[in-house]
Amino acid sequence: MVRSWLARFMAGRYGGDQLNVFLLALYLVLYVVFLFARWFVLELISIILIVLCLYRSLSRDLERRRKENARFLQIVRPVWRKWTCFQARAHDKEHRYFKCPNCGQQMRVPRGKGRITVHCRSCGAAFEEKS
């Protein structure tokens, strides 16, 4: 009974997306900081964030919410890619990474080979690096 009522209520509503998850996480962080610092501004901002998250979730203007999420992802994707690339490189102990001085292409070479000549597959430039 409750499930069908909830399903009927949410029919045609936007629901959750990546922007809502970000807003909810930011709300939680700010509210925890507020609990320790007791700054009124943090409480106000956290309340605004949770209301905005609920508004977006319950909205029936699906196209506008999709556009907002697309803009958010357009801003976040480059940062997220750099972070995952940084994480992968930090855990990769078998290779060194270089950037081509000519075109900026990223290249990976095995560690421990001494000074080697690296050839860029993109532009054909060659340069020496220590692996």
N, C-alpha and C. Protein backbone atom coordinates (compact mmCIF):
# COMPACT_ATOMS: atom_id res chain seq x y z
N MET A 1 0.82 -1.21 0.00
CA MET A 1 0.00 0.00 0.00
C MET A 1 0.86 1.26 0.00
N VAL A 2 1.83 1.30 0.91
CA VAL A 2 2.70 2.47 1.01
C VAL A 2 3.54 2.60 -0.24
N ARG A 3 4.02 1.47 -0.74
CA ARG A 3 4.87 1.52 -1.92
C ARG A 3 4.12 2.06 -3.13
N SER A 4 2.89 1.65 -3.31
CA SER A 4 2.12 2.15 -4.45
C SER A 4 1.81 3.64 -4.29
N TRP A 5 1.57 4.09 -3.07
CA TRP A 5 1.32 5.51 -2.83
C TRP A 5 2.57 6.31 -3.18
N LEU A 6 3.74 5.83 -2.75
CA LEU A 6 4.98 6.53 -3.04
C LEU A 6 5.28 6.51 -4.54
N ALA A 7 5.03 5.39 -5.18
CA ALA A 7 5.25 5.30 -6.63
C ALA A 7 4.33 6.28 -7.38
N ARG A 8 3.09 6.36 -6.95
CA ARG A 8 2.17 7.32 -7.59
C ARG A 8 2.61 8.75 -7.34
N PHE A 9 3.08 9.03 -6.11
CA PHE A 9 3.52 10.39 -5.78
C PHE A 9 4.73 10.79 -6.62
N MET A 10 5.68 9.87 -6.81
CA MET A 10 6.91 10.20 -7.53
C MET A 10 6.75 10.11 -9.05
N ALA A 11 5.66 9.62 -9.54
CA ALA A 11 5.45 9.51 -10.98
C ALA A 11 5.48 10.91 -11.61
N GLY A 12 6.33 11.06 -12.61
CA GLY A 12 6.43 12.34 -13.31
C GLY A 12 7.35 13.33 -12.62
N ARG A 13 7.96 12.94 -11.53
CA ARG A 13 8.88 13.83 -10.82
C ARG A 13 10.31 13.47 -11.19
N TYR A 14 11.22 14.40 -10.95
CA TYR A 14 12.59 14.24 -11.44
C TYR A 14 13.37 13.17 -10.69
N GLY A 15 13.34 13.16 -9.38
CA GLY A 15 14.11 12.18 -8.61
C GLY A 15 15.53 12.66 -8.38
N GLY A 16 16.46 11.72 -8.30
CA GLY A 16 17.84 12.06 -7.97
C GLY A 16 18.76 12.02 -9.17
N ASP A 17 19.85 12.76 -9.08
CA ASP A 17 20.91 12.75 -10.08
C ASP A 17 22.22 13.13 -9.40
N GLN A 18 23.27 13.32 -10.19
CA GLN A 18 24.58 13.61 -9.63
C GLN A 18 24.62 14.95 -8.90
N LEU A 19 23.92 15.95 -9.42
CA LEU A 19 23.90 17.25 -8.76
C LEU A 19 23.20 17.15 -7.40
N ASN A 20 22.13 16.38 -7.32
CA ASN A 20 21.45 16.19 -6.04
C ASN A 20 22.35 15.48 -5.03
N VAL A 21 23.10 14.49 -5.49
CA VAL A 21 24.02 13.79 -4.59
C VAL A 21 25.08 14.76 -4.08
N PHE A 22 25.61 15.61 -4.97
CA PHE A 22 26.59 16.60 -4.56
C PHE A 22 26.00 17.59 -3.55
N LEU A 23 24.79 18.07 -3.82
CA LEU A 23 24.15 19.01 -2.89
C LEU A 23 23.90 18.36 -1.53
N LEU A 24 23.49 17.10 -1.54
CA LEU A 24 23.24 16.39 -0.29
C LEU A 24 24.54 16.17 0.49
N ALA A 25 25.62 15.81 -0.20
CA ALA A 25 26.91 15.63 0.46
C ALA A 25 27.42 16.96 1.03
N LEU A 26 27.28 18.03 0.26
CA LEU A 26 27.70 19.34 0.74
C LEU A 26 26.88 19.77 1.95
N TYR A 27 25.58 19.48 1.91
CA TYR A 27 24.72 19.76 3.06
C TYR A 27 25.22 19.03 4.30
N LEU A 28 25.51 17.74 4.16
CA LEU A 28 25.97 16.96 5.31
C LEU A 28 27.28 17.50 5.88
N VAL A 29 28.21 17.84 5.01
CA VAL A 29 29.50 18.38 5.47
C VAL A 29 29.29 19.70 6.20
N LEU A 30 28.53 20.60 5.60
CA LEU A 30 28.30 21.90 6.24
C LEU A 30 27.54 21.77 7.55
N TYR A 31 26.60 20.84 7.61
CA TYR A 31 25.84 20.67 8.85
C TYR A 31 26.70 20.09 9.96
N VAL A 32 27.58 19.15 9.63
CA VAL A 32 28.50 18.61 10.64
C VAL A 32 29.44 19.70 11.14
N VAL A 33 29.94 20.53 10.24
CA VAL A 33 30.80 21.65 10.65
C VAL A 33 30.00 22.61 11.53
N PHE A 34 28.75 22.85 11.17
CA PHE A 34 27.90 23.72 11.99
C PHE A 34 27.72 23.15 13.39
N LEU A 35 27.56 21.85 13.51
CA LEU A 35 27.36 21.24 14.83
C LEU A 35 28.54 21.51 15.76
N PHE A 36 29.73 21.60 15.20
CA PHE A 36 30.91 21.89 16.02
C PHE A 36 31.17 23.38 16.18
N ALA A 37 30.99 24.13 15.10
CA ALA A 37 31.35 25.56 15.12
C ALA A 37 30.21 26.45 15.60
N ARG A 38 28.96 26.02 15.41
CA ARG A 38 27.77 26.80 15.80
C ARG A 38 27.71 28.17 15.13
N TRP A 39 28.10 28.20 13.84
CA TRP A 39 27.97 29.43 13.08
C TRP A 39 26.61 29.42 12.39
N PHE A 40 25.83 30.45 12.61
CA PHE A 40 24.48 30.54 12.06
C PHE A 40 24.48 30.50 10.54
N VAL A 41 25.49 31.09 9.93
CA VAL A 41 25.56 31.14 8.46
C VAL A 41 25.65 29.73 7.88
N LEU A 42 26.43 28.86 8.52
CA LEU A 42 26.54 27.48 8.03
C LEU A 42 25.20 26.75 8.11
N GLU A 43 24.46 26.99 9.18
CA GLU A 43 23.15 26.36 9.31
C GLU A 43 22.21 26.86 8.23
N LEU A 44 22.24 28.15 7.97
CA LEU A 44 21.39 28.73 6.94
C LEU A 44 21.73 28.17 5.55
N ILE A 45 23.01 28.11 5.24
CA ILE A 45 23.43 27.57 3.94
C ILE A 45 23.04 26.10 3.83
N SER A 46 23.23 25.32 4.91
CA SER A 46 22.88 23.90 4.84
C SER A 46 21.38 23.71 4.66
N ILE A 47 20.57 24.53 5.30
CA ILE A 47 19.12 24.43 5.12
C ILE A 47 18.73 24.78 3.68
N ILE A 48 19.34 25.81 3.13
CA ILE A 48 19.07 26.18 1.74
C ILE A 48 19.46 25.03 0.80
N LEU A 49 20.58 24.37 1.07
CA LEU A 49 21.01 23.26 0.23
C LEU A 49 20.05 22.08 0.27
N ILE A 50 19.57 21.73 1.46
CA ILE A 50 18.66 20.59 1.55
C ILE A 50 17.30 20.92 0.92
N VAL A 51 16.85 22.16 1.07
CA VAL A 51 15.59 22.57 0.43
C VAL A 51 15.75 22.53 -1.09
N LEU A 52 16.88 23.01 -1.60
CA LEU A 52 17.15 22.98 -3.04
C LEU A 52 17.20 21.53 -3.54
N CYS A 53 17.82 20.66 -2.78
CA CYS A 53 17.89 19.24 -3.15
C CYS A 53 16.49 18.63 -3.21
N LEU A 54 15.67 18.90 -2.23
CA LEU A 54 14.30 18.39 -2.22
C LEU A 54 13.48 18.98 -3.37
N TYR A 55 13.64 20.27 -3.61
CA TYR A 55 12.93 20.93 -4.70
C TYR A 55 13.27 20.27 -6.04
N ARG A 56 14.57 20.03 -6.26
CA ARG A 56 14.99 19.41 -7.51
C ARG A 56 14.45 17.99 -7.63
N SER A 57 14.46 17.24 -6.52
CA SER A 57 13.98 15.86 -6.55
C SER A 57 12.50 15.76 -6.84
N LEU A 58 11.72 16.68 -6.31
CA LEU A 58 10.27 16.62 -6.45
C LEU A 58 9.74 17.42 -7.63
N SER A 59 10.64 18.06 -8.37
CA SER A 59 10.23 18.91 -9.48
C SER A 59 9.62 18.10 -10.61
N ARG A 60 8.67 18.71 -11.31
CA ARG A 60 8.08 18.08 -12.49
C ARG A 60 8.65 18.68 -13.79
N ASP A 61 9.51 19.68 -13.66
CA ASP A 61 10.15 20.29 -14.83
C ASP A 61 11.41 19.49 -15.18
N LEU A 62 11.20 18.34 -15.82
CA LEU A 62 12.28 17.40 -16.06
C LEU A 62 13.38 17.97 -16.95
N GLU A 63 13.00 18.70 -17.99
CA GLU A 63 13.98 19.22 -18.93
C GLU A 63 14.92 20.22 -18.26
N ARG A 64 14.41 21.10 -17.45
CA ARG A 64 15.24 22.09 -16.76
C ARG A 64 16.21 21.41 -15.79
N ARG A 65 15.72 20.38 -15.07
CA ARG A 65 16.58 19.67 -14.13
C ARG A 65 17.69 18.91 -14.87
N ARG A 66 17.36 18.36 -16.04
CA ARG A 66 18.38 17.66 -16.83
C ARG A 66 19.44 18.64 -17.32
N LYS A 67 19.02 19.82 -17.73
CA LYS A 67 19.99 20.82 -18.18
C LYS A 67 20.88 21.28 -17.04
N GLU A 68 20.30 21.45 -15.84
CA GLU A 68 21.11 21.83 -14.67
C GLU A 68 22.15 20.75 -14.38
N ASN A 69 21.73 19.49 -14.43
CA ASN A 69 22.65 18.40 -14.15
C ASN A 69 23.73 18.32 -15.23
N ALA A 70 23.36 18.55 -16.49
CA ALA A 70 24.34 18.52 -17.58
C ALA A 70 25.38 19.62 -17.40
N ARG A 71 24.94 20.82 -17.00
CA ARG A 71 25.90 21.91 -16.73
C ARG A 71 26.83 21.55 -15.59
N PHE A 72 26.26 20.96 -14.54
CA PHE A 72 27.07 20.55 -13.39
C PHE A 72 28.11 19.52 -13.82
N LEU A 73 27.71 18.53 -14.60
CA LEU A 73 28.64 17.50 -15.05
C LEU A 73 29.71 18.07 -15.97
N GLN A 74 29.34 19.05 -16.78
CA GLN A 74 30.30 19.69 -17.67
C GLN A 74 31.40 20.39 -16.86
N ILE A 75 31.05 20.94 -15.72
CA ILE A 75 32.03 21.60 -14.86
C ILE A 75 32.85 20.58 -14.09
N VAL A 76 32.22 19.52 -13.62
CA VAL A 76 32.87 18.57 -12.72
C VAL A 76 33.72 17.53 -13.46
N ARG A 77 33.33 17.14 -14.67
CA ARG A 77 34.02 16.06 -15.38
C ARG A 77 35.52 16.29 -15.52
N PRO A 78 36.00 17.46 -15.96
CA PRO A 78 37.45 17.63 -16.08
C PRO A 78 38.17 17.47 -14.75
N VAL A 79 37.59 17.97 -13.70
CA VAL A 79 38.19 17.84 -12.37
C VAL A 79 38.22 16.37 -11.96
N TRP A 80 37.11 15.68 -12.19
CA TRP A 80 37.02 14.27 -11.83
C TRP A 80 38.02 13.42 -12.63
N ARG A 81 38.18 13.72 -13.93
CA ARG A 81 39.14 12.98 -14.75
C ARG A 81 40.56 13.19 -14.26
N LYS A 82 40.90 14.44 -13.93
CA LYS A 82 42.24 14.71 -13.42
C LYS A 82 42.47 13.98 -12.10
N TRP A 83 41.47 13.93 -11.24
CA TRP A 83 41.60 13.25 -9.95
C TRP A 83 41.80 11.75 -10.15
N THR A 84 41.00 11.12 -11.03
CA THR A 84 41.15 9.68 -11.24
C THR A 84 42.48 9.36 -11.92
N CYS A 85 42.93 10.23 -12.82
CA CYS A 85 44.22 10.04 -13.46
C CYS A 85 45.34 10.16 -12.43
N PHE A 86 45.24 11.13 -11.55
CA PHE A 86 46.23 11.31 -10.49
C PHE A 86 46.26 10.09 -9.57
N GLN A 87 45.09 9.57 -9.21
CA GLN A 87 45.01 8.38 -8.36
C GLN A 87 45.65 7.18 -9.04
N ALA A 88 45.35 6.99 -10.33
CA ALA A 88 45.91 5.85 -11.06
C ALA A 88 47.43 5.95 -11.13
N ARG A 89 47.94 7.13 -11.40
CA ARG A 89 49.40 7.32 -11.48
C ARG A 89 50.06 7.13 -10.13
N ALA A 90 49.41 7.55 -9.07
CA ALA A 90 49.98 7.40 -7.73
C ALA A 90 50.12 5.93 -7.36
N HIS A 91 49.22 5.08 -7.86
CA HIS A 91 49.26 3.66 -7.53
C HIS A 91 50.07 2.84 -8.53
N ASP A 92 50.45 3.45 -9.64
CA ASP A 92 51.22 2.74 -10.67
C ASP A 92 52.70 2.90 -10.37
N LYS A 93 53.29 1.86 -9.76
CA LYS A 93 54.71 1.91 -9.37
C LYS A 93 55.63 1.36 -10.46
N GLU A 94 55.06 0.83 -11.54
CA GLU A 94 55.86 0.20 -12.57
C GLU A 94 56.16 1.13 -13.75
N HIS A 95 55.53 2.31 -13.81
CA HIS A 95 55.71 3.20 -14.96
C HIS A 95 55.98 4.63 -14.52
N ARG A 96 56.61 5.39 -15.43
CA ARG A 96 56.76 6.84 -15.27
C ARG A 96 55.94 7.49 -16.38
N TYR A 97 55.44 8.68 -16.09
CA TYR A 97 54.61 9.39 -17.06
C TYR A 97 55.30 10.67 -17.48
N PHE A 98 55.26 10.94 -18.78
CA PHE A 98 55.86 12.14 -19.33
C PHE A 98 54.86 12.83 -20.24
N LYS A 99 55.06 14.13 -20.41
CA LYS A 99 54.25 14.91 -21.33
C LYS A 99 55.16 15.32 -22.49
N CYS A 100 54.69 15.13 -23.69
CA CYS A 100 55.47 15.51 -24.87
C CYS A 100 55.66 17.03 -24.87
N PRO A 101 56.91 17.50 -25.01
CA PRO A 101 57.14 18.95 -25.02
C PRO A 101 56.59 19.62 -26.27
N ASN A 102 56.33 18.85 -27.31
CA ASN A 102 55.86 19.42 -28.56
C ASN A 102 54.34 19.56 -28.60
N CYS A 103 53.63 18.46 -28.28
CA CYS A 103 52.16 18.48 -28.43
C CYS A 103 51.41 18.32 -27.11
N GLY A 104 52.10 17.94 -26.02
CA GLY A 104 51.45 17.81 -24.73
C GLY A 104 50.81 16.45 -24.48
N GLN A 105 51.00 15.50 -25.40
CA GLN A 105 50.45 14.15 -25.25
C GLN A 105 51.09 13.46 -24.03
N GLN A 106 50.28 12.77 -23.23
CA GLN A 106 50.79 12.01 -22.09
C GLN A 106 51.32 10.67 -22.57
N MET A 107 52.50 10.29 -22.04
CA MET A 107 53.09 9.01 -22.40
C MET A 107 53.53 8.27 -21.16
N ARG A 108 53.52 6.93 -21.25
CA ARG A 108 53.90 6.10 -20.13
C ARG A 108 55.07 5.22 -20.56
N VAL A 109 56.12 5.16 -19.73
CA VAL A 109 57.28 4.31 -20.01
C VAL A 109 57.58 3.48 -18.76
N PRO A 110 58.20 2.31 -18.95
CA PRO A 110 58.53 1.48 -17.79
C PRO A 110 59.61 2.12 -16.92
N ARG A 111 59.51 1.95 -15.62
CA ARG A 111 60.51 2.47 -14.69
C ARG A 111 61.78 1.61 -14.72
N GLY A 112 62.89 2.23 -14.33
CA GLY A 112 64.13 1.51 -14.12
C GLY A 112 64.91 1.16 -15.36
N LYS A 113 64.70 1.82 -16.46
CA LYS A 113 65.42 1.54 -17.72
C LYS A 113 66.55 2.54 -17.96
N GLY A 114 66.79 3.45 -17.02
CA GLY A 114 67.83 4.46 -17.20
C GLY A 114 67.35 5.58 -18.10
N ARG A 115 68.33 6.26 -18.75
CA ARG A 115 67.96 7.32 -19.69
C ARG A 115 67.52 6.68 -21.01
N ILE A 116 66.32 7.03 -21.44
CA ILE A 116 65.78 6.46 -22.67
C ILE A 116 65.28 7.57 -23.58
N THR A 117 65.22 7.26 -24.84
CA THR A 117 64.65 8.19 -25.81
C THR A 117 63.17 7.83 -25.97
N VAL A 118 62.32 8.80 -25.70
CA VAL A 118 60.88 8.60 -25.79
C VAL A 118 60.41 9.21 -27.10
N HIS A 119 59.63 8.44 -27.87
CA HIS A 119 59.08 8.91 -29.14
C HIS A 119 57.58 9.12 -28.96
N CYS A 120 57.12 10.29 -29.30
CA CYS A 120 55.69 10.60 -29.20
C CYS A 120 54.95 9.97 -30.37
N ARG A 121 53.92 9.20 -30.07
CA ARG A 121 53.13 8.57 -31.12
C ARG A 121 52.23 9.57 -31.83
N SER A 122 51.93 10.67 -31.15
CA SER A 122 51.01 11.63 -31.70
C SER A 122 51.67 12.53 -32.76
N CYS A 123 52.82 13.12 -32.39
CA CYS A 123 53.46 14.08 -33.30
C CYS A 123 54.81 13.61 -33.84
N GLY A 124 55.35 12.51 -33.29
CA GLY A 124 56.62 11.97 -33.78
C GLY A 124 57.86 12.59 -33.15
N ALA A 125 57.70 13.50 -32.22
CA ALA A 125 58.85 14.13 -31.57
C ALA A 125 59.59 13.10 -30.70
N ALA A 126 60.90 13.28 -30.57
CA ALA A 126 61.70 12.40 -29.72
C ALA A 126 62.42 13.25 -28.68
N PHE A 127 62.47 12.77 -27.45
CA PHE A 127 63.17 13.46 -26.38
C PHE A 127 63.67 12.44 -25.39
N GLU A 128 64.73 12.82 -24.66
CA GLU A 128 65.33 11.93 -23.68
C GLU A 128 64.81 12.22 -22.29
N GLU A 129 64.53 11.14 -21.56
CA GLU A 129 64.07 11.24 -20.17
C GLU A 129 64.65 10.10 -19.37
N LYS A 130 64.72 10.29 -18.07
CA LYS A 130 65.18 9.22 -17.17
C LYS A 130 63.93 8.46 -16.70
N SER A 131 64.00 7.14 -16.89
CA SER A 131 62.84 6.34 -16.48
C SER A 131 63.07 5.83 -15.08
